[in-house]
Amino acid sequence: MKVAVLTTSYPRHADDHLGRFVADGVERLRAAGVEIEVVDARAFRHFGLAYGEGVAPRLRKRPWLGPPLFVSMAATLRRAARDADVVHVHWLQNAAAALSAGKPYVVTLHGTDMALAARAPALARPLLRRARGVIAVSSALAAEARRLGARDVRVIPNGIDIPPTVGDPAEPPHVLFAGRLAPEKGVEELAEAARGLPLVVAGDGPLRGLLPQTRGFVSRPELERLYEEASVVACPSRREGFGVVCAEAMARGRPVVASAVGGLLDLVRDGETGLLVPPRDPAALRAALERLLADPELRARLGAEARRHVERHCAWEAVTSATLAVYRQAVAPPE
């Protein structure tokens, strides 16, 4: 099978975190025998809109660049998809370019795209209805897609590497936050809640001043080391399509304190695989962090069940198999 993958977020080098989950999925599918050509922002003119904070926020500031971006993306995809059996589009708004390729397409919804869809449902509905398959990385996104008229929606989480073994966290215990230092990640709440608590931060963004101790974006090996050393991982997002950091921490047996929003609800079961707190609630966030820092037995129990949960639901073998099933359905003749 030949697939053209269209994405505006894809890593440019080994330590680039942007779109890493897309690239990891592509490599697993290639290993399964799928011939894939990736069309990312390096292949078409993106007019400075890709990378950094992402296409959608930058388009809001420079909307006149939307049409030329679409033309460039669509033309590049048409060339790449000439011999393809199916086009796999990441982020709903990019599906408009897939229409011009004349091939059946599958779309994966990641979260920011559905926030845009909620503001422009008349544009989103036809893109969802014409898709031969809709993949949502969480149950919350699947429900949103169905409300907009998507007919065949499957929940397939982002795949996560499950290390064969995990070590003991560092002593004394501390909290880790990893991710973009931006409002939607709950950085303001974290800065207030963690005041005086042992906190390690990896990431960068517009709210860096609230967490000046941040190490910035770190390499993949360094991030894995930080997961290993952490006793607790904080994911206080205001919205979250899936929650890659949450799932990666859980795969390493680390309990997570997460906001009860979006895809985090698929991963964290309160009192079983971690602790859930209301979003935008620094007091509740602090209480949960303090509770885990003070209770090694609770950390161990939640962390062990968290690892088992991610092994069951996010291991690459299952994710790749489910994605291949969507491809096969997309190219099958209509009944």
C-alpha atoms as a PDB file:
ATOM      1  CA  MET A   1       0.000   0.000   0.000  1.00  0.00           C
ATOM      2  CA  LYS A   2       1.184   3.515  -0.825  1.00  0.00           C
ATOM      3  CA  VAL A   3       0.229   6.427   1.420  1.00  0.00           C
ATOM      4  CA  ALA A   4       0.894  10.148   1.170  1.00  0.00           C
ATOM      5  CA  VAL A   5       1.028  11.733   4.627  1.00  0.00           C
ATOM      6  CA  LEU A   6       0.244  15.460   4.833  1.00  0.00           C
ATOM      7  CA  THR A   7       1.248  17.364   7.953  1.00  0.00           C
ATOM      8  CA  THR A   8       2.277  20.893   8.886  1.00  0.00           C
ATOM      9  CA  SER A   9       4.196  19.677  11.948  1.00  0.00           C
ATOM     10  CA  TYR A  10       7.100  17.262  11.512  1.00  0.00           C
ATOM     11  CA  PRO A  11      10.544  17.114  13.146  1.00  0.00           C
ATOM     12  CA  ARG A  12      13.377  18.661  11.153  1.00  0.00           C
ATOM     13  CA  HIS A  13      16.185  16.929  13.054  1.00  0.00           C
ATOM     14  CA  ALA A  14      16.711  14.285  15.725  1.00  0.00           C
ATOM     15  CA  ASP A  15      16.111  16.618  18.678  1.00  0.00           C
ATOM     16  CA  ASP A  16      13.177  18.530  17.172  1.00  0.00           C
ATOM     17  CA  HIS A  17      10.082  17.879  19.301  1.00  0.00           C
ATOM     18  CA  LEU A  18       7.559  19.347  16.841  1.00  0.00           C
ATOM     19  CA  GLY A  19       5.394  16.650  15.315  1.00  0.00           C
ATOM     20  CA  ARG A  20       7.538  13.900  16.780  1.00  0.00           C
ATOM     21  CA  PHE A  21       4.439  11.768  17.397  1.00  0.00           C
ATOM     22  CA  VAL A  22       3.573  12.024  13.671  1.00  0.00           C
ATOM     23  CA  ALA A  23       7.080  10.970  12.627  1.00  0.00           C
ATOM     24  CA  ASP A  24       7.132   8.064  15.076  1.00  0.00           C
ATOM     25  CA  GLY A  25       3.846   6.808  13.633  1.00  0.00           C
ATOM     26  CA  VAL A  26       5.194   7.080  10.086  1.00  0.00           C
ATOM     27  CA  GLU A  27       8.252   5.008  10.958  1.00  0.00           C
ATOM     28  CA  ARG A  28       6.134   2.273  12.582  1.00  0.00           C
ATOM     29  CA  LEU A  29       3.900   2.098   9.501  1.00  0.00           C
ATOM     30  CA  ARG A  30       6.926   1.882   7.229  1.00  0.00           C
ATOM     31  CA  ALA A  31       8.251  -0.959   9.341  1.00  0.00           C
ATOM     32  CA  ALA A  32       4.883  -2.680   8.828  1.00  0.00           C
ATOM     33  CA  GLY A  33       5.402  -2.547   5.050  1.00  0.00           C
ATOM     34  CA  VAL A  34       3.548   0.633   4.089  1.00  0.00           C
ATOM     35  CA  GLU A  35       5.234   2.810   1.470  1.00  0.00           C
ATOM     36  CA  ILE A  36       4.904   6.387   2.723  1.00  0.00           C
ATOM     37  CA  GLU A  37       5.817   9.761   1.269  1.00  0.00           C
ATOM     38  CA  VAL A  38       5.645  12.561   3.817  1.00  0.00           C
ATOM     39  CA  VAL A  39       4.556  16.015   2.675  1.00  0.00           C
ATOM     40  CA  ASP A  40       5.479  18.441   5.438  1.00  0.00           C
ATOM     41  CA  ALA A  41       6.333  22.118   5.661  1.00  0.00           C
ATOM     42  CA  ARG A  42       9.788  21.507   4.204  1.00  0.00           C
ATOM     43  CA  ALA A  43       8.178  20.298   0.963  1.00  0.00           C
ATOM     44  CA  PHE A  44       5.898  23.292   0.307  1.00  0.00           C
ATOM     45  CA  ARG A  45       6.103  27.028   0.858  1.00  0.00           C
ATOM     46  CA  HIS A  46       4.719  27.754   4.286  1.00  0.00           C
ATOM     47  CA  PHE A  47       5.434  31.518   4.279  1.00  0.00           C
ATOM     48  CA  GLY A  48       6.858  31.422   7.798  1.00  0.00           C
ATOM     49  CA  LEU A  49       3.655  29.986   9.264  1.00  0.00           C
ATOM     50  CA  ALA A  50       4.916  26.543  10.269  1.00  0.00           C
ATOM     51  CA  TYR A  51       6.995  25.622  13.318  1.00  0.00           C
ATOM     52  CA  GLY A  52       7.182  27.620  16.551  1.00  0.00           C
ATOM     53  CA  GLU A  53       3.711  28.221  17.948  1.00  0.00           C
ATOM     54  CA  GLY A  54       2.084  26.557  14.927  1.00  0.00           C
ATOM     55  CA  VAL A  55       0.179  27.429  11.766  1.00  0.00           C
ATOM     56  CA  ALA A  56      -3.207  28.297  13.275  1.00  0.00           C
ATOM     57  CA  PRO A  57      -1.997  30.984  15.754  1.00  0.00           C
ATOM     58  CA  ARG A  58       0.182  32.588  13.098  1.00  0.00           C
ATOM     59  CA  LEU A  59      -2.638  32.586  10.545  1.00  0.00           C
ATOM     60  CA  ARG A  60      -4.799  34.499  12.991  1.00  0.00           C
ATOM     61  CA  LYS A  61      -2.168  37.242  12.899  1.00  0.00           C
ATOM     62  CA  ARG A  62      -1.604  37.060   9.119  1.00  0.00           C
ATOM     63  CA  PRO A  63      -4.784  35.613   7.575  1.00  0.00           C
ATOM     64  CA  TRP A  64      -3.900  36.850   4.077  1.00  0.00           C
ATOM     65  CA  LEU A  65      -1.255  34.120   3.902  1.00  0.00           C
ATOM     66  CA  GLY A  66      -3.900  31.388   4.144  1.00  0.00           C
ATOM     67  CA  PRO A  67      -4.741  31.173   0.403  1.00  0.00           C
ATOM     68  CA  PRO A  68      -1.136  30.992  -0.857  1.00  0.00           C
ATOM     69  CA  LEU A  69      -0.328  28.439   1.844  1.00  0.00           C
ATOM     70  CA  PHE A  70      -3.259  26.287   0.712  1.00  0.00           C
ATOM     71  CA  VAL A  71      -2.283  26.537  -2.966  1.00  0.00           C
ATOM     72  CA  SER A  72       1.316  25.546  -2.241  1.00  0.00           C
ATOM     73  CA  MET A  73       0.293  22.676   0.036  1.00  0.00           C
ATOM     74  CA  ALA A  74      -2.325  21.326  -2.372  1.00  0.00           C
ATOM     75  CA  ALA A  75      -0.011  21.439  -5.392  1.00  0.00           C
ATOM     76  CA  THR A  76       2.755  19.615  -3.533  1.00  0.00           C
ATOM     77  CA  LEU A  77       0.338  16.990  -2.219  1.00  0.00           C
ATOM     78  CA  ARG A  78      -1.122  16.339  -5.691  1.00  0.00           C
ATOM     79  CA  ARG A  79       2.349  15.519  -7.003  1.00  0.00           C
ATOM     80  CA  ALA A  80       3.206  13.312  -4.035  1.00  0.00           C
ATOM     81  CA  ALA A  81      -0.131  11.465  -4.150  1.00  0.00           C
ATOM     82  CA  ARG A  82      -0.152  10.585  -7.861  1.00  0.00           C
ATOM     83  CA  ASP A  83       0.594   6.917  -7.164  1.00  0.00           C
ATOM     84  CA  ALA A  84      -0.812   6.796  -3.640  1.00  0.00           C
ATOM     85  CA  ASP A  85      -3.698   4.576  -2.628  1.00  0.00           C
ATOM     86  CA  VAL A  86      -4.745   6.879   0.195  1.00  0.00           C
ATOM     87  CA  VAL A  87      -3.850  10.255   1.693  1.00  0.00           C
ATOM     88  CA  HIS A  88      -3.455  10.499   5.467  1.00  0.00           C
ATOM     89  CA  VAL A  89      -3.961  14.060   6.700  1.00  0.00           C
ATOM     90  CA  HIS A  90      -2.945  15.214  10.169  1.00  0.00           C
ATOM     91  CA  TRP A  91      -5.081  18.100  11.529  1.00  0.00           C
ATOM     92  CA  LEU A  92      -8.502  18.673  10.031  1.00  0.00           C
ATOM     93  CA  GLN A  93      -7.839  22.000   8.335  1.00  0.00           C
ATOM     94  CA  ASN A  94      -5.250  20.331   6.096  1.00  0.00           C
ATOM     95  CA  ALA A  95      -7.925  18.036   4.678  1.00  0.00           C
ATOM     96  CA  ALA A  96      -8.964  20.855   2.342  1.00  0.00           C
ATOM     97  CA  ALA A  97      -5.735  20.251   0.425  1.00  0.00           C
ATOM     98  CA  ALA A  98      -6.484  16.518   0.269  1.00  0.00           C
ATOM     99  CA  LEU A  99      -9.700  17.185  -1.636  1.00  0.00           C
ATOM    100  CA  SER A 100      -7.673  18.466  -4.583  1.00  0.00           C
ATOM    101  CA  ALA A 101      -5.577  15.277  -4.725  1.00  0.00           C
ATOM    102  CA  GLY A 102      -8.510  13.192  -5.938  1.00  0.00           C
ATOM    103  CA  LYS A 103      -7.640  10.308  -3.611  1.00  0.00           C
ATOM    104  CA  PRO A 104      -9.529   8.802  -0.666  1.00  0.00           C
ATOM    105  CA  TYR A 105      -8.305  10.431   2.495  1.00  0.00           C
ATOM    106  CA  VAL A 106      -8.110   9.656   6.191  1.00  0.00           C
ATOM    107  CA  VAL A 107      -7.811  12.472   8.716  1.00  0.00           C
ATOM    108  CA  THR A 108      -6.347  12.352  12.214  1.00  0.00           C
ATOM    109  CA  LEU A 109      -7.704  14.889  14.699  1.00  0.00           C
ATOM    110  CA  HIS A 110      -5.232  16.123  17.308  1.00  0.00           C
ATOM    111  CA  GLY A 111      -7.082  18.831  19.235  1.00  0.00           C
ATOM    112  CA  THR A 112      -6.198  22.329  18.059  1.00  0.00           C
ATOM    113  CA  ASP A 113      -7.972  21.528  14.800  1.00  0.00           C
ATOM    114  CA  MET A 114     -11.219  20.740  16.589  1.00  0.00           C
ATOM    115  CA  ALA A 115     -10.995  23.984  18.535  1.00  0.00           C
ATOM    116  CA  LEU A 116     -10.921  25.731  15.158  1.00  0.00           C
ATOM    117  CA  ALA A 117     -13.735  23.511  13.864  1.00  0.00           C
ATOM    118  CA  ALA A 118     -15.972  24.586  16.739  1.00  0.00           C
ATOM    119  CA  ARG A 119     -15.609  28.186  15.560  1.00  0.00           C
ATOM    120  CA  ALA A 120     -16.183  27.366  11.886  1.00  0.00           C
ATOM    121  CA  PRO A 121     -18.454  24.282  11.787  1.00  0.00           C
ATOM    122  CA  ALA A 122     -19.716  25.009   8.265  1.00  0.00           C
ATOM    123  CA  LEU A 123     -16.168  24.566   6.975  1.00  0.00           C
ATOM    124  CA  ALA A 124     -15.353  21.564   9.148  1.00  0.00           C
ATOM    125  CA  ARG A 125     -18.438  19.433   8.409  1.00  0.00           C
ATOM    126  CA  PRO A 126     -17.758  18.702   4.717  1.00  0.00           C
ATOM    127  CA  LEU A 127     -14.119  17.873   5.426  1.00  0.00           C
ATOM    128  CA  LEU A 128     -15.173  15.322   8.046  1.00  0.00           C
ATOM    129  CA  ARG A 129     -18.023  13.855   6.002  1.00  0.00           C
ATOM    130  CA  ARG A 130     -15.922  13.353   2.882  1.00  0.00           C
ATOM    131  CA  ALA A 131     -13.169  11.560   4.766  1.00  0.00           C
ATOM    132  CA  ARG A 132     -13.070   7.783   4.253  1.00  0.00           C
ATOM    133  CA  GLY A 133     -11.921   7.464   7.834  1.00  0.00           C
ATOM    134  CA  VAL A 134     -11.617   9.766  10.840  1.00  0.00           C
ATOM    135  CA  ILE A 135      -9.081   8.986  13.555  1.00  0.00           C
ATOM    136  CA  ALA A 136      -9.413  10.813  16.874  1.00  0.00           C
ATOM    137  CA  VAL A 137      -6.552  10.543  19.346  1.00  0.00           C
ATOM    138  CA  SER A 138      -8.974  10.678  22.287  1.00  0.00           C
ATOM    139  CA  SER A 139     -12.585   9.958  23.157  1.00  0.00           C
ATOM    140  CA  ALA A 140     -13.272  13.658  23.702  1.00  0.00           C
ATOM    141  CA  LEU A 141     -12.167  14.519  20.157  1.00  0.00           C
ATOM    142  CA  ALA A 142     -14.187  11.630  18.745  1.00  0.00           C
ATOM    143  CA  ALA A 143     -17.322  12.997  20.401  1.00  0.00           C
ATOM    144  CA  GLU A 144     -16.664  16.447  18.943  1.00  0.00           C
ATOM    145  CA  ALA A 145     -16.177  14.967  15.471  1.00  0.00           C
ATOM    146  CA  ARG A 146     -19.428  13.033  15.673  1.00  0.00           C
ATOM    147  CA  ARG A 147     -21.291  16.187  16.712  1.00  0.00           C
ATOM    148  CA  LEU A 148     -20.016  17.767  13.489  1.00  0.00           C
ATOM    149  CA  GLY A 149     -21.339  14.907  11.392  1.00  0.00           C
ATOM    150  CA  ALA A 150     -18.373  12.560  11.058  1.00  0.00           C
ATOM    151  CA  ARG A 151     -19.766   9.107  10.345  1.00  0.00           C
ATOM    152  CA  ASP A 152     -16.916   6.676  10.912  1.00  0.00           C
ATOM    153  CA  VAL A 153     -14.735   7.791  13.811  1.00  0.00           C
ATOM    154  CA  ARG A 154     -12.203   5.553  15.531  1.00  0.00           C
ATOM    155  CA  VAL A 155     -10.310   6.418  18.686  1.00  0.00           C
ATOM    156  CA  ILE A 156      -6.646   5.565  18.123  1.00  0.00           C
ATOM    157  CA  PRO A 157      -4.302   7.189  20.646  1.00  0.00           C
ATOM    158  CA  ASN A 158      -0.827   8.380  19.814  1.00  0.00           C
ATOM    159  CA  GLY A 159       1.625   5.531  20.087  1.00  0.00           C
ATOM    160  CA  ILE A 160       4.058   5.562  22.992  1.00  0.00           C
ATOM    161  CA  ASP A 161       7.382   3.787  23.463  1.00  0.00           C
ATOM    162  CA  ILE A 162       7.156   1.511  26.492  1.00  0.00           C
ATOM    163  CA  PRO A 163      10.620   1.025  28.033  1.00  0.00           C
ATOM    164  CA  PRO A 164      11.257  -2.588  29.058  1.00  0.00           C
ATOM    165  CA  THR A 165      12.215  -1.552  32.581  1.00  0.00           C
ATOM    166  CA  VAL A 166      12.028   1.595  34.692  1.00  0.00           C
ATOM    167  CA  GLY A 167      14.361   2.732  37.440  1.00  0.00           C
ATOM    168  CA  ASP A 168      13.767   4.393  40.761  1.00  0.00           C
ATOM    169  CA  PRO A 169      13.164   8.153  40.856  1.00  0.00           C
ATOM    170  CA  ALA A 170      15.726  10.520  42.309  1.00  0.00           C
ATOM    171  CA  GLU A 171      15.739  11.473  45.981  1.00  0.00           C
ATOM    172  CA  PRO A 172      14.458  13.681  47.428  1.00  0.00           C
ATOM    173  CA  PRO A 173      11.232  13.502  45.384  1.00  0.00           C
ATOM    174  CA  HIS A 174      10.385  16.294  42.963  1.00  0.00           C
ATOM    175  CA  VAL A 175       7.793  17.287  40.358  1.00  0.00           C
ATOM    176  CA  LEU A 176       8.477  17.470  36.602  1.00  0.00           C
ATOM    177  CA  PHE A 177       6.708  19.641  34.063  1.00  0.00           C
ATOM    178  CA  ALA A 178       7.619  19.202  30.384  1.00  0.00           C
ATOM    179  CA  GLY A 179       6.022  21.067  27.512  1.00  0.00           C
ATOM    180  CA  ARG A 180       5.352  24.405  25.910  1.00  0.00           C
ATOM    181  CA  LEU A 181       5.260  27.243  28.432  1.00  0.00           C
ATOM    182  CA  ALA A 182       1.964  28.661  27.225  1.00  0.00           C
ATOM    183  CA  PRO A 183      -1.422  29.444  28.805  1.00  0.00           C
ATOM    184  CA  GLU A 184      -3.196  26.389  27.364  1.00  0.00           C
ATOM    185  CA  LYS A 185      -0.726  24.124  29.182  1.00  0.00           C
ATOM    186  CA  GLY A 186      -1.769  25.545  32.558  1.00  0.00           C
ATOM    187  CA  VAL A 187       1.586  27.198  33.162  1.00  0.00           C
ATOM    188  CA  GLU A 188       0.090  30.089  35.132  1.00  0.00           C
ATOM    189  CA  GLU A 189      -1.686  27.673  37.470  1.00  0.00           C
ATOM    190  CA  LEU A 190       1.454  25.563  37.835  1.00  0.00           C
ATOM    191  CA  ALA A 191       3.617  28.559  38.694  1.00  0.00           C
ATOM    192  CA  GLU A 192       1.217  29.494  41.493  1.00  0.00           C
ATOM    193  CA  ALA A 193       0.584  25.962  42.720  1.00  0.00           C
ATOM    194  CA  ALA A 194       4.219  24.844  42.795  1.00  0.00           C
ATOM    195  CA  ARG A 195       5.597  27.888  44.614  1.00  0.00           C
ATOM    196  CA  GLY A 196       8.068  26.498  47.141  1.00  0.00           C
ATOM    197  CA  LEU A 197       7.779  22.915  45.864  1.00  0.00           C
ATOM    198  CA  PRO A 198      10.713  21.064  44.229  1.00  0.00           C
ATOM    199  CA  LEU A 199       9.953  21.541  40.521  1.00  0.00           C
ATOM    200  CA  VAL A 200      11.994  20.696  37.428  1.00  0.00           C
ATOM    201  CA  VAL A 201      10.854  22.331  34.173  1.00  0.00           C
ATOM    202  CA  ALA A 202      11.719  21.417  30.589  1.00  0.00           C
ATOM    203  CA  GLY A 203      10.248  23.583  27.842  1.00  0.00           C
ATOM    204  CA  ASP A 204       9.985  27.075  26.465  1.00  0.00           C
ATOM    205  CA  GLY A 205       7.354  29.509  25.317  1.00  0.00           C
ATOM    206  CA  PRO A 206       5.737  32.880  25.954  1.00  0.00           C
ATOM    207  CA  LEU A 207       5.299  32.280  29.712  1.00  0.00           C
ATOM    208  CA  ARG A 208       8.947  31.400  30.328  1.00  0.00           C
ATOM    209  CA  GLY A 209       9.176  34.299  32.805  1.00  0.00           C
ATOM    210  CA  LEU A 210       6.791  32.512  35.179  1.00  0.00           C
ATOM    211  CA  LEU A 211       9.109  29.495  35.381  1.00  0.00           C
ATOM    212  CA  PRO A 212      12.593  30.980  34.951  1.00  0.00           C
ATOM    213  CA  GLN A 213      14.251  27.783  36.179  1.00  0.00           C
ATOM    214  CA  THR A 214      13.269  26.023  32.929  1.00  0.00           C
ATOM    215  CA  ARG A 215      15.977  24.150  31.093  1.00  0.00           C
ATOM    216  CA  GLY A 216      14.375  25.030  27.767  1.00  0.00           C
ATOM    217  CA  PHE A 217      13.535  22.364  25.238  1.00  0.00           C
ATOM    218  CA  VAL A 218      15.809  19.399  25.861  1.00  0.00           C
ATOM    219  CA  SER A 219      17.027  16.520  23.717  1.00  0.00           C
ATOM    220  CA  ARG A 220      15.081  13.278  23.648  1.00  0.00           C
ATOM    221  CA  PRO A 221      17.631  11.377  25.770  1.00  0.00           C
ATOM    222  CA  GLU A 222      17.618  14.212  28.310  1.00  0.00           C
ATOM    223  CA  LEU A 223      13.809  14.215  28.483  1.00  0.00           C
ATOM    224  CA  GLU A 224      13.802  10.465  29.074  1.00  0.00           C
ATOM    225  CA  ARG A 225      16.289  10.965  31.902  1.00  0.00           C
ATOM    226  CA  LEU A 226      14.057  13.645  33.437  1.00  0.00           C
ATOM    227  CA  TYR A 227      11.057  11.285  33.325  1.00  0.00           C
ATOM    228  CA  GLU A 228      13.154   8.630  35.054  1.00  0.00           C
ATOM    229  CA  GLU A 229      14.273  10.977  37.832  1.00  0.00           C
ATOM    230  CA  ALA A 230      10.852  12.512  38.510  1.00  0.00           C
ATOM    231  CA  SER A 231       8.610  11.318  41.316  1.00  0.00           C
ATOM    232  CA  VAL A 232       5.515  13.104  40.000  1.00  0.00           C
ATOM    233  CA  VAL A 233       4.700  14.637  36.606  1.00  0.00           C
ATOM    234  CA  ALA A 234       2.331  17.609  36.354  1.00  0.00           C
ATOM    235  CA  CYS A 235       0.031  18.044  33.334  1.00  0.00           C
ATOM    236  CA  PRO A 236      -2.240  20.953  34.333  1.00  0.00           C
ATOM    237  CA  SER A 237      -3.471  21.757  30.801  1.00  0.00           C
ATOM    238  CA  ARG A 238      -6.545  23.878  30.210  1.00  0.00           C
ATOM    239  CA  ARG A 239      -7.225  21.801  27.076  1.00  0.00           C
ATOM    240  CA  GLU A 240      -5.472  18.758  25.672  1.00  0.00           C
ATOM    241  CA  GLY A 241      -6.239  16.696  22.586  1.00  0.00           C
ATOM    242  CA  PHE A 242      -4.253  13.686  23.787  1.00  0.00           C
ATOM    243  CA  GLY A 243      -1.445  14.338  26.267  1.00  0.00           C
ATOM    244  CA  VAL A 244       1.853  12.934  24.975  1.00  0.00           C
ATOM    245  CA  VAL A 245       3.849  14.007  28.039  1.00  0.00           C
ATOM    246  CA  CYS A 246       1.253  12.451  30.308  1.00  0.00           C
ATOM    247  CA  ALA A 247       1.355   9.128  28.437  1.00  0.00           C
ATOM    248  CA  GLU A 248       5.161   9.083  28.257  1.00  0.00           C
ATOM    249  CA  ALA A 249       5.433   9.694  31.993  1.00  0.00           C
ATOM    250  CA  MET A 250       2.922   6.940  32.694  1.00  0.00           C
ATOM    251  CA  ALA A 251       4.855   4.532  30.452  1.00  0.00           C
ATOM    252  CA  ARG A 252       7.782   5.060  32.810  1.00  0.00           C
ATOM    253  CA  GLY A 253       5.709   4.294  35.874  1.00  0.00           C
ATOM    254  CA  ARG A 254       5.399   7.868  37.061  1.00  0.00           C
ATOM    255  CA  PRO A 255       2.134   9.067  38.617  1.00  0.00           C
ATOM    256  CA  VAL A 256       0.630  12.114  36.931  1.00  0.00           C
ATOM    257  CA  VAL A 257      -1.416  14.983  38.329  1.00  0.00           C
ATOM    258  CA  ALA A 258      -3.541  16.097  35.386  1.00  0.00           C
ATOM    259  CA  SER A 259      -6.394  18.446  34.660  1.00  0.00           C
ATOM    260  CA  ALA A 260      -9.698  16.706  34.022  1.00  0.00           C
ATOM    261  CA  VAL A 261      -9.904  17.788  30.388  1.00  0.00           C
ATOM    262  CA  GLY A 262      -9.872  16.284  26.889  1.00  0.00           C
ATOM    263  CA  GLY A 263      -7.559  13.379  26.179  1.00  0.00           C
ATOM    264  CA  LEU A 264      -6.129  13.399  29.693  1.00  0.00           C
ATOM    265  CA  LEU A 265      -9.382  11.775  30.824  1.00  0.00           C
ATOM    266  CA  ASP A 266      -8.566   8.712  28.684  1.00  0.00           C
ATOM    267  CA  LEU A 267      -5.183   8.355  30.357  1.00  0.00           C
ATOM    268  CA  VAL A 268      -5.619   9.346  33.998  1.00  0.00           C
ATOM    269  CA  ARG A 269      -8.215   7.604  36.105  1.00  0.00           C
ATOM    270  CA  ASP A 270      -8.463   9.465  39.362  1.00  0.00           C
ATOM    271  CA  GLY A 271      -7.051   7.442  42.210  1.00  0.00           C
ATOM    272  CA  GLU A 272      -6.079   4.555  39.894  1.00  0.00           C
ATOM    273  CA  THR A 273      -3.468   5.736  37.377  1.00  0.00           C
ATOM    274  CA  GLY A 274      -2.940   9.241  38.764  1.00  0.00           C
ATOM    275  CA  LEU A 275      -4.823  12.166  40.239  1.00  0.00           C
ATOM    276  CA  LEU A 276      -7.248  14.446  38.392  1.00  0.00           C
ATOM    277  CA  VAL A 277      -7.877  18.056  39.368  1.00  0.00           C
ATOM    278  CA  PRO A 278     -10.192  20.698  37.929  1.00  0.00           C
ATOM    279  CA  PRO A 279      -8.561  22.855  35.254  1.00  0.00           C
ATOM    280  CA  ARG A 280      -7.532  26.404  36.248  1.00  0.00           C
ATOM    281  CA  ASP A 281      -7.527  25.469  39.951  1.00  0.00           C
ATOM    282  CA  PRO A 282      -4.087  26.152  41.516  1.00  0.00           C
ATOM    283  CA  ALA A 283      -5.243  25.181  45.013  1.00  0.00           C
ATOM    284  CA  ALA A 284      -6.439  21.732  43.894  1.00  0.00           C
ATOM    285  CA  LEU A 285      -3.289  21.266  41.830  1.00  0.00           C
ATOM    286  CA  ARG A 286      -1.044  22.076  44.780  1.00  0.00           C
ATOM    287  CA  ALA A 287      -2.968  19.782  47.122  1.00  0.00           C
ATOM    288  CA  ALA A 288      -2.587  16.862  44.685  1.00  0.00           C
ATOM    289  CA  LEU A 289       1.125  17.502  44.156  1.00  0.00           C
ATOM    290  CA  GLU A 290       1.765  17.741  47.891  1.00  0.00           C
ATOM    291  CA  ARG A 291      -0.224  14.566  48.510  1.00  0.00           C
ATOM    292  CA  LEU A 292       1.905  12.556  46.087  1.00  0.00           C
ATOM    293  CA  LEU A 293       5.220  14.058  47.154  1.00  0.00           C
ATOM    294  CA  ALA A 294       4.436  13.040  50.739  1.00  0.00           C
ATOM    295  CA  ASP A 295       3.261   9.480  50.015  1.00  0.00           C
ATOM    296  CA  PRO A 296       5.786   7.116  48.354  1.00  0.00           C
ATOM    297  CA  GLU A 297       3.438   4.124  48.601  1.00  0.00           C
ATOM    298  CA  LEU A 298       0.680   5.987  46.741  1.00  0.00           C
ATOM    299  CA  ARG A 299       3.175   7.117  44.102  1.00  0.00           C
ATOM    300  CA  ALA A 300       4.330   3.542  43.569  1.00  0.00           C
ATOM    301  CA  ARG A 301       0.803   2.141  43.318  1.00  0.00           C
ATOM    302  CA  LEU A 302      -0.467   4.790  40.910  1.00  0.00           C
ATOM    303  CA  GLY A 303       2.703   4.669  38.834  1.00  0.00           C
ATOM    304  CA  ALA A 304       2.564   0.897  38.391  1.00  0.00           C
ATOM    305  CA  GLU A 305      -1.071   0.977  37.279  1.00  0.00           C
ATOM    306  CA  ALA A 306      -0.337   3.946  35.010  1.00  0.00           C
ATOM    307  CA  ARG A 307       2.332   1.934  33.221  1.00  0.00           C
ATOM    308  CA  ARG A 308      -0.022  -1.036  32.771  1.00  0.00           C
ATOM    309  CA  HIS A 309      -2.744   1.263  31.405  1.00  0.00           C
ATOM    310  CA  VAL A 310      -0.464   2.787  28.750  1.00  0.00           C
ATOM    311  CA  GLU A 311       0.877  -0.657  27.814  1.00  0.00           C
ATOM    312  CA  ARG A 312      -2.686  -1.807  27.148  1.00  0.00           C
ATOM    313  CA  HIS A 313      -3.871   1.216  25.191  1.00  0.00           C
ATOM    314  CA  CYS A 314      -0.925   3.083  23.642  1.00  0.00           C
ATOM    315  CA  ALA A 315       1.675   0.470  22.693  1.00  0.00           C
ATOM    316  CA  TRP A 316       2.854   0.883  19.106  1.00  0.00           C
ATOM    317  CA  GLU A 317       1.807  -2.578  17.938  1.00  0.00           C
ATOM    318  CA  ALA A 318      -1.869  -1.917  18.681  1.00  0.00           C
ATOM    319  CA  VAL A 319      -1.785   1.666  17.375  1.00  0.00           C
ATOM    320  CA  THR A 320      -0.126   0.647  14.096  1.00  0.00           C
ATOM    321  CA  SER A 321      -2.509  -2.256  13.576  1.00  0.00           C
ATOM    322  CA  ALA A 322      -5.549  -0.032  14.140  1.00  0.00           C
ATOM    323  CA  THR A 323      -4.225   2.603  11.709  1.00  0.00           C
ATOM    324  CA  LEU A 324      -3.637  -0.039   9.020  1.00  0.00           C
ATOM    325  CA  ALA A 325      -7.236  -1.183   9.448  1.00  0.00           C
ATOM    326  CA  VAL A 326      -8.433   2.365   8.746  1.00  0.00           C
ATOM    327  CA  TYR A 327      -6.273   2.506   5.599  1.00  0.00           C
ATOM    328  CA  ARG A 328      -7.690  -0.782   4.339  1.00  0.00           C
ATOM    329  CA  GLN A 329     -11.222   0.417   4.896  1.00  0.00           C
ATOM    330  CA  ALA A 330     -10.482   3.696   3.124  1.00  0.00           C
ATOM    331  CA  VAL A 331      -9.371   1.972  -0.087  1.00  0.00           C
ATOM    332  CA  ALA A 332     -12.039  -0.736  -0.058  1.00  0.00           C
ATOM    333  CA  PRO A 333     -14.825  -0.321  -2.662  1.00  0.00           C
ATOM    334  CA  PRO A 334     -18.020   1.150  -1.209  1.00  0.00           C
ATOM    335  CA  GLU A 335     -20.568  -1.496  -0.309  1.00  0.00           C
END
